Amino acid sequence: MPMIIIEELCKGCAACVEVCPNKAITRAVKTAKINQELCQDCEKCVFVCPNGAITGASNKSKS
């Protein structure tokens, strides 16, 4: 399942950018962005995000 960033929760700290082994995450102006073509769903970004801003696409309705 593809990882997504919940932009309302993302503070742009870039912890996910640093931990991604596939370089699938980049830092944008105020948030991070995931390149779905590069993402291998390893979920390292999910565990490192201090704000809980990254989740699987099917879990987006948590809010």
Protein backbone atom coordinates (compact mmCIF):
# COMPACT_ATOMS: atom_id res chain seq x y z
CA MET A 1 0.00 0.00 0.00
CA PRO A 2 1.45 3.38 -0.93
CA MET A 3 2.65 5.68 1.81
CA ILE A 4 1.10 9.13 1.98
CA ILE A 5 1.89 12.29 3.91
CA ILE A 6 -0.93 13.95 5.80
CA GLU A 7 0.03 17.53 5.03
CA GLU A 8 -1.90 18.98 7.98
CA LEU A 9 0.33 16.98 10.37
CA CYS A 10 3.67 17.34 8.56
CA LYS A 11 5.92 20.02 10.07
CA GLY A 12 8.66 19.70 7.44
CA CYS A 13 11.30 18.34 9.85
CA ALA A 14 12.72 16.08 7.09
CA ALA A 15 13.33 13.08 9.39
CA CYS A 16 11.63 10.94 6.76
CA VAL A 17 13.87 12.31 4.00
CA GLU A 18 16.96 11.22 5.93
CA VAL A 19 15.72 7.69 6.68
CA CYS A 20 14.33 6.74 3.24
CA PRO A 21 16.68 4.18 1.65
CA ASN A 22 15.19 4.76 -1.81
CA LYS A 23 15.38 8.57 -1.83
CA ALA A 24 11.64 8.58 -2.46
CA ILE A 25 10.93 11.48 -0.11
CA THR A 26 11.86 15.08 -0.74
CA ARG A 27 11.29 18.17 1.32
CA ALA A 28 8.93 20.73 -0.16
CA VAL A 29 8.25 24.25 1.13
CA LYS A 30 6.34 23.31 4.31
CA THR A 31 5.94 19.57 3.97
CA ALA A 32 7.53 16.45 2.55
CA LYS A 33 6.50 14.73 -0.67
CA ILE A 34 6.69 11.02 -1.52
CA ASN A 35 7.54 9.88 -5.05
CA GLN A 36 5.31 6.80 -5.33
CA GLU A 37 7.39 5.40 -8.19
CA LEU A 38 10.46 5.22 -5.92
CA CYS A 39 8.70 4.23 -2.69
CA GLN A 40 9.10 0.55 -1.79
CA ASP A 41 6.71 0.70 1.21
CA CYS A 42 9.45 -0.15 3.73
CA GLU A 43 7.62 2.07 6.27
CA LYS A 44 10.83 3.45 7.80
CA CYS A 45 9.37 6.91 7.30
CA VAL A 46 6.24 5.97 9.24
CA PHE A 47 8.25 4.94 12.30
CA VAL A 48 10.59 7.95 12.28
CA CYS A 49 7.97 10.68 11.81
CA PRO A 50 7.54 12.48 15.16
CA ASN A 51 4.14 13.87 14.11
CA GLY A 52 2.47 10.72 12.77
CA ALA A 53 2.12 12.45 9.41
CA ILE A 54 2.94 9.42 7.24
CA THR A 55 0.59 6.49 6.81
CA GLY A 56 -0.54 3.92 4.29
CA ALA A 57 -3.10 5.21 1.79
CA SER A 58 -5.86 2.96 3.13
CA ASN A 59 -5.39 4.45 6.62
CA LYS A 60 -5.88 8.11 5.60
CA SER A 61 -9.35 8.24 7.11
CA LYS A 62 -7.86 8.09 10.64
CA SER A 63 -8.34 11.83 11.13
